Amino acid sequence: MAEGSNYFKKAIQLFQEKKFLSAADFFEKSFEADPRNIDALYNKAASYAGLGDKENTCKVWKQISDLGQVNGKELYLNNCQ
């Protein structure tokens, strides 16, 4: 769990530095270490959006939607269909 938190903090730092691809990787590592941290997936999607990568943004929103997250489902349905 602490590992996931460390990954998340690093990801936030990278995101703030606009290093979106690296941030997405660390948000993924954070989620893998702590699958309850749905915020890591939302931020991973935001990282891809920062890159202008709609395909991967939509893949992450679909993943969030499949986990039962209403906001993720709305984002996916409103932006990726």
PDB file of N, CA and C in Angstrom:
ATOM      1  N   MET A   1       0.826  -1.192   0.000  1.00  0.00           N
ATOM      2  CA  MET A   1       0.000   0.000   0.000  1.00  0.00           C
ATOM      3  C   MET A   1       0.872   1.258   0.000  1.00  0.00           C
ATOM      4  N   ALA A   2       1.896   1.286   0.839  1.00  0.00           N
ATOM      5  CA  ALA A   2       2.798   2.438   0.854  1.00  0.00           C
ATOM      6  C   ALA A   2       3.469   2.603  -0.495  1.00  0.00           C
ATOM      7  N   GLU A   3       3.763   1.473  -1.134  1.00  0.00           N
ATOM      8  CA  GLU A   3       4.376   1.528  -2.457  1.00  0.00           C
ATOM      9  C   GLU A   3       3.456   2.249  -3.441  1.00  0.00           C
ATOM     10  N   GLY A   4       2.173   1.931  -3.377  1.00  0.00           N
ATOM     11  CA  GLY A   4       1.205   2.590  -4.249  1.00  0.00           C
ATOM     12  C   GLY A   4       1.144   4.084  -3.999  1.00  0.00           C
ATOM     13  N   SER A   5       1.218   4.461  -2.740  1.00  0.00           N
ATOM     14  CA  SER A   5       1.203   5.880  -2.372  1.00  0.00           C
ATOM     15  C   SER A   5       2.450   6.585  -2.897  1.00  0.00           C
ATOM     16  N   ASN A   6       3.583   5.929  -2.808  1.00  0.00           N
ATOM     17  CA  ASN A   6       4.827   6.518  -3.324  1.00  0.00           C
ATOM     18  C   ASN A   6       4.750   6.708  -4.834  1.00  0.00           C
ATOM     19  N   TYR A   7       4.226   5.703  -5.534  1.00  0.00           N
ATOM     20  CA  TYR A   7       4.058   5.817  -6.984  1.00  0.00           C
ATOM     21  C   TYR A   7       3.120   6.976  -7.319  1.00  0.00           C
ATOM     22  N   PHE A   8       2.036   7.098  -6.536  1.00  0.00           N
ATOM     23  CA  PHE A   8       1.051   8.147  -6.791  1.00  0.00           C
ATOM     24  C   PHE A   8       1.680   9.530  -6.614  1.00  0.00           C
ATOM     25  N   LYS A   9       2.453   9.711  -5.547  1.00  0.00           N
ATOM     26  CA  LYS A   9       3.116  11.005  -5.314  1.00  0.00           C
ATOM     27  C   LYS A   9       4.075  11.346  -6.451  1.00  0.00           C
ATOM     28  N   LYS A  10       4.821  10.355  -6.901  1.00  0.00           N
ATOM     29  CA  LYS A  10       5.754  10.570  -8.018  1.00  0.00           C
ATOM     30  C   LYS A  10       4.974  10.931  -9.285  1.00  0.00           C
ATOM     31  N   ALA A  11       3.873  10.246  -9.501  1.00  0.00           N
ATOM     32  CA  ALA A  11       3.045  10.507 -10.680  1.00  0.00           C
ATOM     33  C   ALA A  11       2.503  11.936 -10.671  1.00  0.00           C
ATOM     34  N   ILE A  12       2.048  12.384  -9.517  1.00  0.00           N
ATOM     35  CA  ILE A  12       1.530  13.757  -9.392  1.00  0.00           C
ATOM     36  C   ILE A  12       2.632  14.757  -9.726  1.00  0.00           C
ATOM     37  N   GLN A  13       3.821  14.505  -9.208  1.00  0.00           N
ATOM     38  CA  GLN A  13       4.957  15.393  -9.486  1.00  0.00           C
ATOM     39  C   GLN A  13       5.231  15.448 -10.989  1.00  0.00           C
ATOM     40  N   LEU A  14       5.261  14.286 -11.628  1.00  0.00           N
ATOM     41  CA  LEU A  14       5.516  14.235 -13.074  1.00  0.00           C
ATOM     42  C   LEU A  14       4.402  14.938 -13.849  1.00  0.00           C
ATOM     43  N   PHE A  15       3.170  14.754 -13.408  1.00  0.00           N
ATOM     44  CA  PHE A  15       2.031  15.393 -14.072  1.00  0.00           C
ATOM     45  C   PHE A  15       2.170  16.911 -13.984  1.00  0.00           C
ATOM     46  N   GLN A  16       2.517  17.409 -12.815  1.00  0.00           N
ATOM     47  CA  GLN A  16       2.670  18.854 -12.632  1.00  0.00           C
ATOM     48  C   GLN A  16       3.802  19.414 -13.489  1.00  0.00           C
ATOM     49  N   GLU A  17       4.789  18.565 -13.780  1.00  0.00           N
ATOM     50  CA  GLU A  17       5.900  18.968 -14.655  1.00  0.00           C
ATOM     51  C   GLU A  17       5.560  18.761 -16.133  1.00  0.00           C
ATOM     52  N   LYS A  18       4.313  18.357 -16.385  1.00  0.00           N
ATOM     53  CA  LYS A  18       3.814  18.097 -17.741  1.00  0.00           C
ATOM     54  C   LYS A  18       4.558  16.951 -18.439  1.00  0.00           C
ATOM     55  N   LYS A  19       5.081  16.032 -17.648  1.00  0.00           N
ATOM     56  CA  LYS A  19       5.705  14.809 -18.179  1.00  0.00           C
ATOM     57  C   LYS A  19       4.629  13.730 -18.160  1.00  0.00           C
ATOM     58  N   PHE A  20       3.656  13.905 -19.068  1.00  0.00           N
ATOM     59  CA  PHE A  20       2.423  13.133 -19.008  1.00  0.00           C
ATOM     60  C   PHE A  20       2.612  11.635 -19.238  1.00  0.00           C
ATOM     61  N   LEU A  21       3.484  11.248 -20.156  1.00  0.00           N
ATOM     62  CA  LEU A  21       3.662   9.822 -20.423  1.00  0.00           C
ATOM     63  C   LEU A  21       4.258   9.117 -19.201  1.00  0.00           C
ATOM     64  N   SER A  22       5.260   9.716 -18.604  1.00  0.00           N
ATOM     65  CA  SER A  22       5.853   9.139 -17.385  1.00  0.00           C
ATOM     66  C   SER A  22       4.840   9.138 -16.249  1.00  0.00           C
ATOM     67  N   ALA A  23       4.061  10.198 -16.159  1.00  0.00           N
ATOM     68  CA  ALA A  23       3.030  10.263 -15.119  1.00  0.00           C
ATOM     69  C   ALA A  23       2.032   9.128 -15.290  1.00  0.00           C
ATOM     70  N   ALA A  24       1.598   8.880 -16.521  1.00  0.00           N
ATOM     71  CA  ALA A  24       0.646   7.789 -16.783  1.00  0.00           C
ATOM     72  C   ALA A  24       1.219   6.453 -16.327  1.00  0.00           C
ATOM     73  N   ASP A  25       2.497   6.225 -16.588  1.00  0.00           N
ATOM     74  CA  ASP A  25       3.141   4.978 -16.165  1.00  0.00           C
ATOM     75  C   ASP A  25       3.122   4.841 -14.642  1.00  0.00           C
ATOM     76  N   PHE A  26       3.413   5.929 -13.937  1.00  0.00           N
ATOM     77  CA  PHE A  26       3.438   5.858 -12.473  1.00  0.00           C
ATOM     78  C   PHE A  26       2.035   5.756 -11.882  1.00  0.00           C
ATOM     79  N   PHE A  27       1.042   6.381 -12.533  1.00  0.00           N
ATOM     80  CA  PHE A  27      -0.339   6.205 -12.069  1.00  0.00           C
ATOM     81  C   PHE A  27      -0.754   4.742 -12.235  1.00  0.00           C
ATOM     82  N   GLU A  28      -0.330   4.109 -13.317  1.00  0.00           N
ATOM     83  CA  GLU A  28      -0.631   2.684 -13.526  1.00  0.00           C
ATOM     84  C   GLU A  28       0.032   1.836 -12.436  1.00  0.00           C
ATOM     85  N   LYS A  29       1.289   2.117 -12.138  1.00  0.00           N
ATOM     86  CA  LYS A  29       1.987   1.376 -11.080  1.00  0.00           C
ATOM     87  C   LYS A  29       1.287   1.572  -9.741  1.00  0.00           C
ATOM     88  N   SER A  30       0.820   2.784  -9.487  1.00  0.00           N
ATOM     89  CA  SER A  30       0.109   3.061  -8.246  1.00  0.00           C
ATOM     90  C   SER A  30      -1.160   2.229  -8.158  1.00  0.00           C
ATOM     91  N   PHE A  31      -1.910   2.168  -9.256  1.00  0.00           N
ATOM     92  CA  PHE A  31      -3.152   1.391  -9.272  1.00  0.00           C
ATOM     93  C   PHE A  31      -2.867  -0.095  -9.110  1.00  0.00           C
ATOM     94  N   GLU A  32      -1.822  -0.587  -9.764  1.00  0.00           N
ATOM     95  CA  GLU A  32      -1.469  -2.003  -9.637  1.00  0.00           C
ATOM     96  C   GLU A  32      -1.092  -2.349  -8.199  1.00  0.00           C
ATOM     97  N   ALA A  33      -0.406  -1.431  -7.518  1.00  0.00           N
ATOM     98  CA  ALA A  33      -0.009  -1.665  -6.129  1.00  0.00           C
ATOM     99  C   ALA A  33      -1.194  -1.545  -5.174  1.00  0.00           C
ATOM    100  N   ASP A  34      -2.180  -0.731  -5.536  1.00  0.00           N
ATOM    101  CA  ASP A  34      -3.367  -0.520  -4.693  1.00  0.00           C
ATOM    102  C   ASP A  34      -4.597  -0.374  -5.590  1.00  0.00           C
ATOM    103  N   PRO A  35      -5.221  -1.492  -5.972  1.00  0.00           N
ATOM    104  CA  PRO A  35      -6.366  -1.454  -6.897  1.00  0.00           C
ATOM    105  C   PRO A  35      -7.594  -0.709  -6.366  1.00  0.00           C
ATOM    106  N   ARG A  36      -7.575  -0.310  -5.113  1.00  0.00           N
ATOM    107  CA  ARG A  36      -8.691   0.494  -4.589  1.00  0.00           C
ATOM    108  C   ARG A  36      -8.506   1.974  -4.920  1.00  0.00           C
ATOM    109  N   ASN A  37      -7.325   2.338  -5.391  1.00  0.00           N
ATOM    110  CA  ASN A  37      -7.034   3.740  -5.690  1.00  0.00           C
ATOM    111  C   ASN A  37      -7.510   4.094  -7.099  1.00  0.00           C
ATOM    112  N   ILE A  38      -8.804   4.296  -7.208  1.00  0.00           N
ATOM    113  CA  ILE A  38      -9.408   4.631  -8.507  1.00  0.00           C
ATOM    114  C   ILE A  38      -8.903   5.989  -8.994  1.00  0.00           C
ATOM    115  N   ASP A  39      -8.531   6.876  -8.069  1.00  0.00           N
ATOM    116  CA  ASP A  39      -7.998   8.184  -8.464  1.00  0.00           C
ATOM    117  C   ASP A  39      -6.776   8.032  -9.370  1.00  0.00           C
ATOM    118  N   ALA A  40      -6.015   6.976  -9.155  1.00  0.00           N
ATOM    119  CA  ALA A  40      -4.837   6.753 -10.004  1.00  0.00           C
ATOM    120  C   ALA A  40      -5.265   6.563 -11.455  1.00  0.00           C
ATOM    121  N   LEU A  41      -6.389   5.870 -11.665  1.00  0.00           N
ATOM    122  CA  LEU A  41      -6.862   5.669 -13.043  1.00  0.00           C
ATOM    123  C   LEU A  41      -7.400   6.968 -13.646  1.00  0.00           C
ATOM    124  N   TYR A  42      -8.150   7.729 -12.870  1.00  0.00           N
ATOM    125  CA  TYR A  42      -8.645   9.008 -13.383  1.00  0.00           C
ATOM    126  C   TYR A  42      -7.478   9.908 -13.781  1.00  0.00           C
ATOM    127  N   ASN A  43      -6.435   9.909 -12.960  1.00  0.00           N
ATOM    128  CA  ASN A  43      -5.264  10.725 -13.266  1.00  0.00           C
ATOM    129  C   ASN A  43      -4.469  10.162 -14.434  1.00  0.00           C
ATOM    130  N   LYS A  44      -4.479   8.853 -14.585  1.00  0.00           N
ATOM    131  CA  LYS A  44      -3.828   8.242 -15.752  1.00  0.00           C
ATOM    132  C   LYS A  44      -4.542   8.718 -17.022  1.00  0.00           C
ATOM    133  N   ALA A  45      -5.856   8.721 -16.993  1.00  0.00           N
ATOM    134  CA  ALA A  45      -6.630   9.216 -18.142  1.00  0.00           C
ATOM    135  C   ALA A  45      -6.311  10.686 -18.407  1.00  0.00           C
ATOM    136  N   ALA A  46      -6.204  11.484 -17.344  1.00  0.00           N
ATOM    137  CA  ALA A  46      -5.875  12.904 -17.498  1.00  0.00           C
ATOM    138  C   ALA A  46      -4.489  13.077 -18.108  1.00  0.00           C
ATOM    139  N   SER A  47      -3.581  12.176 -17.758  1.00  0.00           N
ATOM    140  CA  SER A  47      -2.230  12.232 -18.328  1.00  0.00           C
ATOM    141  C   SER A  47      -2.278  12.001 -19.833  1.00  0.00           C
ATOM    142  N   TYR A  48      -3.019  10.980 -20.240  1.00  0.00           N
ATOM    143  CA  TYR A  48      -3.156  10.723 -21.676  1.00  0.00           C
ATOM    144  C   TYR A  48      -3.859  11.885 -22.377  1.00  0.00           C
ATOM    145  N   ALA A  49      -4.850  12.473 -21.715  1.00  0.00           N
ATOM    146  CA  ALA A  49      -5.538  13.630 -22.294  1.00  0.00           C
ATOM    147  C   ALA A  49      -4.555  14.788 -22.466  1.00  0.00           C
ATOM    148  N   GLY A  50      -3.653  14.946 -21.519  1.00  0.00           N
ATOM    149  CA  GLY A  50      -2.630  15.986 -21.615  1.00  0.00           C
ATOM    150  C   GLY A  50      -1.721  15.802 -22.812  1.00  0.00           C
ATOM    151  N   LEU A  51      -1.575  14.547 -23.223  1.00  0.00           N
ATOM    152  CA  LEU A  51      -0.767  14.238 -24.408  1.00  0.00           C
ATOM    153  C   LEU A  51      -1.575  14.367 -25.703  1.00  0.00           C
ATOM    154  N   GLY A  52      -2.892  14.561 -25.561  1.00  0.00           N
ATOM    155  CA  GLY A  52      -3.760  14.578 -26.737  1.00  0.00           C
ATOM    156  C   GLY A  52      -4.014  13.175 -27.277  1.00  0.00           C
ATOM    157  N   ASP A  53      -3.833  12.157 -26.426  1.00  0.00           N
ATOM    158  CA  ASP A  53      -3.977  10.752 -26.821  1.00  0.00           C
ATOM    159  C   ASP A  53      -5.382  10.274 -26.457  1.00  0.00           C
ATOM    160  N   LYS A  54      -6.331  10.562 -27.339  1.00  0.00           N
ATOM    161  CA  LYS A  54      -7.732  10.233 -27.058  1.00  0.00           C
ATOM    162  C   LYS A  54      -7.950   8.728 -26.965  1.00  0.00           C
ATOM    163  N   GLU A  55      -7.260   7.962 -27.796  1.00  0.00           N
ATOM    164  CA  GLU A  55      -7.453   6.508 -27.791  1.00  0.00           C
ATOM    165  C   GLU A  55      -7.151   5.913 -26.412  1.00  0.00           C
ATOM    166  N   ASN A  56      -5.995   6.261 -25.848  1.00  0.00           N
ATOM    167  CA  ASN A  56      -5.642   5.720 -24.535  1.00  0.00           C
ATOM    168  C   ASN A  56      -6.464   6.345 -23.420  1.00  0.00           C
ATOM    169  N   THR A  57      -6.830   7.607 -23.570  1.00  0.00           N
ATOM    170  CA  THR A  57      -7.718   8.240 -22.587  1.00  0.00           C
ATOM    171  C   THR A  57      -9.018   7.449 -22.515  1.00  0.00           C
ATOM    172  N   CYS A  58      -9.582   7.129 -23.664  1.00  0.00           N
ATOM    173  CA  CYS A  58     -10.842   6.382 -23.716  1.00  0.00           C
ATOM    174  C   CYS A  58     -10.679   4.963 -23.167  1.00  0.00           C
ATOM    175  N   LYS A  59      -9.546   4.335 -23.419  1.00  0.00           N
ATOM    176  CA  LYS A  59      -9.312   2.992 -22.866  1.00  0.00           C
ATOM    177  C   LYS A  59      -9.343   3.018 -21.344  1.00  0.00           C
ATOM    178  N   VAL A  60      -8.741   4.033 -20.760  1.00  0.00           N
ATOM    179  CA  VAL A  60      -8.716   4.129 -19.295  1.00  0.00           C
ATOM    180  C   VAL A  60     -10.118   4.444 -18.773  1.00  0.00           C
ATOM    181  N   TRP A  61     -10.832   5.361 -19.432  1.00  0.00           N
ATOM    182  CA  TRP A  61     -12.207   5.647 -19.009  1.00  0.00           C
ATOM    183  C   TRP A  61     -13.075   4.399 -19.096  1.00  0.00           C
ATOM    184  N   LYS A  62     -12.868   3.577 -20.117  1.00  0.00           N
ATOM    185  CA  LYS A  62     -13.611   2.313 -20.245  1.00  0.00           C
ATOM    186  C   LYS A  62     -13.266   1.397 -19.078  1.00  0.00           C
ATOM    187  N   GLN A  63     -11.988   1.319 -18.727  1.00  0.00           N
ATOM    188  CA  GLN A  63     -11.550   0.508 -17.594  1.00  0.00           C
ATOM    189  C   GLN A  63     -12.230   0.991 -16.310  1.00  0.00           C
ATOM    190  N   ILE A  64     -12.269   2.303 -16.115  1.00  0.00           N
ATOM    191  CA  ILE A  64     -12.912   2.873 -14.932  1.00  0.00           C
ATOM    192  C   ILE A  64     -14.410   2.547 -14.948  1.00  0.00           C
ATOM    193  N   SER A  65     -15.027   2.686 -16.104  1.00  0.00           N
ATOM    194  CA  SER A  65     -16.445   2.376 -16.261  1.00  0.00           C
ATOM    195  C   SER A  65     -16.717   0.916 -15.913  1.00  0.00           C
ATOM    196  N   ASP A  66     -15.847   0.023 -16.388  1.00  0.00           N
ATOM    197  CA  ASP A  66     -16.016  -1.409 -16.125  1.00  0.00           C
ATOM    198  C   ASP A  66     -15.877  -1.743 -14.634  1.00  0.00           C
ATOM    199  N   LEU A  67     -15.232  -0.857 -13.879  1.00  0.00           N
ATOM    200  CA  LEU A  67     -15.107  -1.043 -12.434  1.00  0.00           C
ATOM    201  C   LEU A  67     -16.340  -0.521 -11.687  1.00  0.00           C
ATOM    202  N   GLY A  68     -17.324  -0.019 -12.449  1.00  0.00           N
ATOM    203  CA  GLY A  68     -18.569   0.433 -11.845  1.00  0.00           C
ATOM    204  C   GLY A  68     -18.591   1.891 -11.451  1.00  0.00           C
ATOM    205  N   GLN A  69     -17.628   2.653 -11.919  1.00  0.00           N
ATOM    206  CA  GLN A  69     -17.568   4.076 -11.586  1.00  0.00           C
ATOM    207  C   GLN A  69     -18.488   4.874 -12.521  1.00  0.00           C
ATOM    208  N   VAL A  70     -19.466   5.548 -11.939  1.00  0.00           N
ATOM    209  CA  VAL A  70     -20.448   6.298 -12.725  1.00  0.00           C
ATOM    210  C   VAL A  70     -19.775   7.423 -13.515  1.00  0.00           C
ATOM    211  N   ASN A  71     -18.882   8.172 -12.869  1.00  0.00           N
ATOM    212  CA  ASN A  71     -18.217   9.277 -13.575  1.00  0.00           C
ATOM    213  C   ASN A  71     -17.392   8.766 -14.749  1.00  0.00           C
ATOM    214  N   GLY A  72     -16.704   7.661 -14.559  1.00  0.00           N
ATOM    215  CA  GLY A  72     -15.917   7.066 -15.636  1.00  0.00           C
ATOM    216  C   GLY A  72     -16.796   6.644 -16.797  1.00  0.00           C
ATOM    217  N   LYS A  73     -17.964   6.086 -16.474  1.00  0.00           N
ATOM    218  CA  LYS A  73     -18.903   5.667 -17.517  1.00  0.00           C
ATOM    219  C   LYS A  73     -19.403   6.872 -18.305  1.00  0.00           C
ATOM    220  N   GLU A  74     -19.730   7.953 -17.595  1.00  0.00           N
ATOM    221  CA  GLU A  74     -20.202   9.165 -18.262  1.00  0.00           C
ATOM    222  C   GLU A  74     -19.111   9.750 -19.148  1.00  0.00           C
ATOM    223  N   LEU A  75     -17.886   9.807 -18.644  1.00  0.00           N
ATOM    224  CA  LEU A  75     -16.773  10.320 -19.450  1.00  0.00           C
ATOM    225  C   LEU A  75     -16.606   9.487 -20.710  1.00  0.00           C
ATOM    226  N   TYR A  76     -16.661   8.175 -20.556  1.00  0.00           N
ATOM    227  CA  TYR A  76     -16.501   7.284 -21.698  1.00  0.00           C
ATOM    228  C   TYR A  76     -17.635   7.473 -22.704  1.00  0.00           C
ATOM    229  N   LEU A  77     -18.866   7.449 -22.223  1.00  0.00           N
ATOM    230  CA  LEU A  77     -20.013   7.541 -23.127  1.00  0.00           C
ATOM    231  C   LEU A  77     -20.100   8.908 -23.823  1.00  0.00           C
ATOM    232  N   ASN A  78     -19.732   9.970 -23.109  1.00  0.00           N
ATOM    233  CA  ASN A  78     -19.853  11.320 -23.670  1.00  0.00           C
ATOM    234  C   ASN A  78     -18.693  11.700 -24.588  1.00  0.00           C
ATOM    235  N   ASN A  79     -17.553  11.014 -24.486  1.00  0.00           N
ATOM    236  CA  ASN A  79     -16.377  11.439 -25.234  1.00  0.00           C
ATOM    237  C   ASN A  79     -15.787  10.395 -26.176  1.00  0.00           C
ATOM    238  N   CYS A  80     -16.240   9.163 -26.057  1.00  0.00           N
ATOM    239  CA  CYS A  80     -15.548   8.090 -26.787  1.00  0.00           C
ATOM    240  C   CYS A  80     -16.450   7.279 -27.698  1.00  0.00           C
ATOM    241  N   GLN A  81     -17.671   7.646 -27.846  1.00  0.00           N
ATOM    242  CA  GLN A  81     -18.582   6.859 -28.686  1.00  0.00           C
ATOM    243  C   GLN A  81     -18.718   7.431 -30.065  1.00  0.00           C
TER     244      GLN A  81
END
